[in-house]
């Protein structure tokens, strides 16, 4: 049979590679679930600690996008950073936790988008704040769900059986951004019309 990969020095067939990828995907989902539950526990107990340092926000977002490209490519989606990542905008943040918040929003976009893609931009605002926009061409958000989107365990019930998730990712992102004295919100024109998330 044709061999397509070498893992740990051994040749692996297409069939075995497919099984390994499924195991990895399942493991990644379990790790994400455990991390979300641990974060929720820390939040509830007031134990979310932050270490604020001046960080290049362009490089941070670029690195998050780069790490999520394989996930987008697996679904045939374009994941684009429509800002110049070499620009030096410094913000005082906990880079690990802020990365987690941005990653949660982009992963959410990938999860709820079947075709098209996700565009990420960073803009410097007039009041010297920084705006990160994550826009997808996905399923959109209903008017009923939008006001409560960032609450714990809040999900679109009509999609819960089709799309896996804990309903904690957006809530944790909100807690992290509020701890940075920032704002986080979403906009959508409705079902099937895509979504925009803002930090």
Protein backbone atom coordinates (compact mmCIF):
# COMPACT_ATOMS: atom_id res chain seq x y z
CA UNK A 1 0.00 0.00 0.00
CA UNK A 2 1.15 3.61 -0.52
CA UNK A 3 2.89 5.16 2.48
CA UNK A 4 2.29 8.83 3.09
CA UNK A 5 3.95 9.68 6.37
CA UNK A 6 6.73 8.72 8.72
CA UNK A 7 5.81 8.89 12.41
CA UNK A 8 8.43 8.05 15.00
CA UNK A 9 10.66 6.54 12.30
CA UNK A 10 7.97 4.13 11.03
CA UNK A 11 6.16 4.33 7.70
CA UNK A 12 2.43 4.79 8.13
CA UNK A 13 -0.31 4.03 5.59
CA UNK A 14 -3.20 6.39 4.74
CA UNK A 15 -5.60 4.29 6.85
CA UNK A 16 -3.40 4.38 9.96
CA UNK A 17 -2.69 8.09 9.48
CA UNK A 18 -6.45 8.76 9.38
CA UNK A 19 -6.96 6.82 12.64
CA UNK A 20 -4.08 8.69 14.30
CA UNK A 21 -5.56 12.04 13.23
CA UNK A 22 -8.96 11.07 14.67
CA UNK A 23 -7.32 10.09 17.97
CA UNK A 24 -5.43 13.41 18.03
CA UNK A 25 -8.62 15.38 17.32
CA UNK A 26 -10.45 13.54 20.10
CA UNK A 27 -7.55 14.13 22.52
CA UNK A 28 -7.44 17.85 21.61
CA UNK A 29 -11.18 18.14 22.34
CA UNK A 30 -10.75 16.45 25.73
CA UNK A 31 -7.82 18.74 26.62
CA UNK A 32 -9.89 21.79 25.67
CA UNK A 33 -12.83 20.56 27.78
CA UNK A 34 -10.60 19.95 30.82
CA UNK A 35 -8.89 23.35 30.42
CA UNK A 36 -12.25 25.12 30.13
CA UNK A 37 -13.53 23.40 33.28
CA UNK A 38 -10.31 24.24 35.17
CA UNK A 39 -10.60 27.89 34.07
CA UNK A 40 -14.23 27.98 35.15
CA UNK A 41 -13.24 26.65 38.58
CA UNK A 42 -10.50 29.30 38.89
CA UNK A 43 -12.97 32.03 37.90
CA UNK A 44 -15.58 30.84 40.40
CA UNK A 45 -12.98 30.72 43.17
CA UNK A 46 -11.40 34.08 42.22
CA UNK A 47 -8.09 32.39 41.42
CA UNK A 48 -7.53 33.62 37.85
CA UNK A 49 -4.16 35.32 38.20
CA UNK A 50 -2.86 37.74 35.58
CA UNK A 51 0.68 38.83 34.77
CA UNK A 52 0.48 42.05 32.75
CA UNK A 53 3.43 42.93 30.51
CA UNK A 54 3.90 45.14 27.45
CA UNK A 55 3.28 42.90 24.47
CA UNK A 56 3.25 43.40 20.70
CA UNK A 57 -0.42 42.73 19.95
CA UNK A 58 0.25 42.16 16.23
CA UNK A 59 2.74 39.37 16.89
CA UNK A 60 0.46 37.79 19.51
CA UNK A 61 -2.57 37.66 17.17
CA UNK A 62 -0.39 36.55 14.23
CA UNK A 63 0.93 33.62 16.31
CA UNK A 64 -2.61 32.59 17.37
CA UNK A 65 -3.78 32.65 13.73
CA UNK A 66 -0.73 30.70 12.59
CA UNK A 67 -1.45 27.98 15.17
CA UNK A 68 -5.10 27.67 14.03
CA UNK A 69 -4.44 27.50 10.27
CA UNK A 70 -4.38 23.65 10.17
CA UNK A 71 -7.82 23.55 11.85
CA UNK A 72 -9.23 26.00 9.27
CA UNK A 73 -7.57 24.20 6.36
CA UNK A 74 -9.09 20.89 7.49
CA UNK A 75 -12.53 22.48 6.90
CA UNK A 76 -11.43 24.15 3.65
CA UNK A 77 -11.71 27.65 5.17
CA UNK A 78 -9.56 30.72 4.55
CA UNK A 79 -8.06 32.17 7.73
CA UNK A 80 -6.71 35.63 6.94
CA UNK A 81 -4.89 38.25 8.98
CA UNK A 82 -5.73 41.48 7.14
CA UNK A 83 -3.32 43.65 9.13
CA UNK A 84 0.42 44.06 8.92
CA UNK A 85 1.85 41.79 11.65
CA UNK A 86 5.17 43.65 11.76
CA UNK A 87 3.56 46.86 13.02
CA UNK A 88 4.56 47.50 16.61
CA UNK A 89 1.51 48.22 18.80
CA UNK A 90 2.34 47.55 22.44
CA UNK A 91 -0.43 46.82 24.94
CA UNK A 92 -0.18 45.81 28.58
CA UNK A 93 -1.70 42.34 28.78
CA UNK A 94 -1.27 38.86 30.16
CA UNK A 95 -0.12 37.40 26.84
CA UNK A 96 -1.03 33.78 27.66
CA UNK A 97 -4.57 34.52 28.78
CA UNK A 98 -5.18 37.16 26.11
CA UNK A 99 -4.03 34.65 23.48
CA UNK A 100 -6.55 32.19 24.92
CA UNK A 101 -9.38 34.72 24.55
CA UNK A 102 -8.46 35.49 20.91
CA UNK A 103 -8.06 31.78 20.18
CA UNK A 104 -11.50 31.03 21.65
CA UNK A 105 -13.12 33.58 19.32
CA UNK A 106 -11.29 32.38 16.20
CA UNK A 107 -11.98 28.72 17.01
CA UNK A 108 -15.63 29.65 17.46
CA UNK A 109 -15.61 31.21 14.00
CA UNK A 110 -14.06 28.08 12.49
CA UNK A 111 -16.52 25.83 14.30
CA UNK A 112 -19.61 27.68 13.04
CA UNK A 113 -18.40 28.36 9.48
CA UNK A 114 -18.93 25.78 6.74
CA UNK A 115 -17.61 27.73 3.74
CA UNK A 116 -15.73 30.96 3.12
CA UNK A 117 -13.51 31.90 6.00
CA UNK A 118 -12.53 34.10 8.90
CA UNK A 119 -10.92 37.52 8.55
CA UNK A 120 -9.02 39.07 11.45
CA UNK A 121 -8.01 42.74 11.59
CA UNK A 122 -6.36 45.00 14.15
CA UNK A 123 -6.98 48.75 14.07
CA UNK A 124 -5.70 51.60 16.17
CA UNK A 125 -8.68 53.72 17.26
CA UNK A 126 -8.81 57.51 17.70
CA UNK A 127 -8.94 57.24 21.49
CA UNK A 128 -5.62 55.29 21.39
CA UNK A 129 -7.36 51.98 22.07
CA UNK A 130 -6.84 48.90 19.89
CA UNK A 131 -9.71 47.07 18.17
CA UNK A 132 -9.44 43.42 17.14
CA UNK A 133 -12.18 42.24 14.75
CA UNK A 134 -12.84 38.58 13.95
CA UNK A 135 -15.38 38.31 11.11
CA UNK A 136 -16.64 35.00 9.76
CA UNK A 137 -18.92 33.98 6.89
CA UNK A 138 -20.62 31.34 9.01
CA UNK A 139 -24.05 30.50 10.39
CA UNK A 140 -24.60 33.82 12.13
CA UNK A 141 -26.27 34.43 15.47
CA UNK A 142 -29.99 34.73 16.06
CA UNK A 143 -31.42 37.90 17.64
CA UNK A 144 -32.64 35.78 20.56
CA UNK A 145 -29.19 34.35 21.34
CA UNK A 146 -27.07 37.46 20.75
CA UNK A 147 -27.77 39.34 24.04
CA UNK A 148 -26.80 36.30 26.17
CA UNK A 149 -24.04 34.89 23.96
CA UNK A 150 -21.23 35.38 26.49
CA UNK A 151 -22.99 33.67 29.41
CA UNK A 152 -21.95 30.27 30.78
CA UNK A 153 -23.13 27.24 28.79
CA UNK A 154 -24.99 29.44 26.29
CA UNK A 155 -25.21 27.77 22.88
CA UNK A 156 -27.53 27.69 19.91
CA UNK A 157 -29.70 24.69 20.85
CA UNK A 158 -30.61 24.02 17.21
CA UNK A 159 -26.91 23.32 16.47
CA UNK A 160 -25.89 21.61 19.72
CA UNK A 161 -26.17 18.10 18.26
CA UNK A 162 -24.24 18.99 15.09
CA UNK A 163 -21.43 21.08 16.59
CA UNK A 164 -19.47 20.02 19.66
CA UNK A 165 -18.74 22.52 22.41
CA UNK A 166 -18.95 23.21 26.12
CA UNK A 167 -20.63 26.62 25.99
CA UNK A 168 -17.73 28.00 28.06
CA UNK A 169 -15.29 29.39 25.48
CA UNK A 170 -17.01 32.75 24.96
CA UNK A 171 -17.72 33.14 28.67
CA UNK A 172 -14.05 32.57 29.55
CA UNK A 173 -12.98 34.98 26.79
CA UNK A 174 -15.29 37.63 28.28
CA UNK A 175 -13.89 37.16 31.80
CA UNK A 176 -10.32 37.49 30.47
CA UNK A 177 -11.03 40.62 28.42
CA UNK A 178 -12.93 42.31 31.27
CA UNK A 179 -9.95 41.59 33.56
CA UNK A 180 -7.88 43.58 31.04
CA UNK A 181 -10.35 46.48 31.40
CA UNK A 182 -11.36 45.84 27.81
CA UNK A 183 -14.66 45.26 26.00
CA UNK A 184 -15.86 42.22 24.08
CA UNK A 185 -19.02 41.93 22.01
CA UNK A 186 -20.55 40.30 18.94
CA UNK A 187 -22.69 41.46 16.04
CA UNK A 188 -24.65 39.48 13.47
CA UNK A 189 -27.44 40.20 11.02
CA UNK A 190 -28.98 36.84 11.85
CA UNK A 191 -29.01 33.20 10.83
CA UNK A 192 -26.82 32.39 7.83
CA UNK A 193 -25.33 35.91 7.65
CA UNK A 194 -22.04 35.45 9.46
CA UNK A 195 -20.80 37.01 12.69
CA UNK A 196 -18.34 39.62 13.89
CA UNK A 197 -16.62 39.46 17.25
CA UNK A 198 -14.81 42.46 18.68
CA UNK A 199 -12.18 42.99 21.37
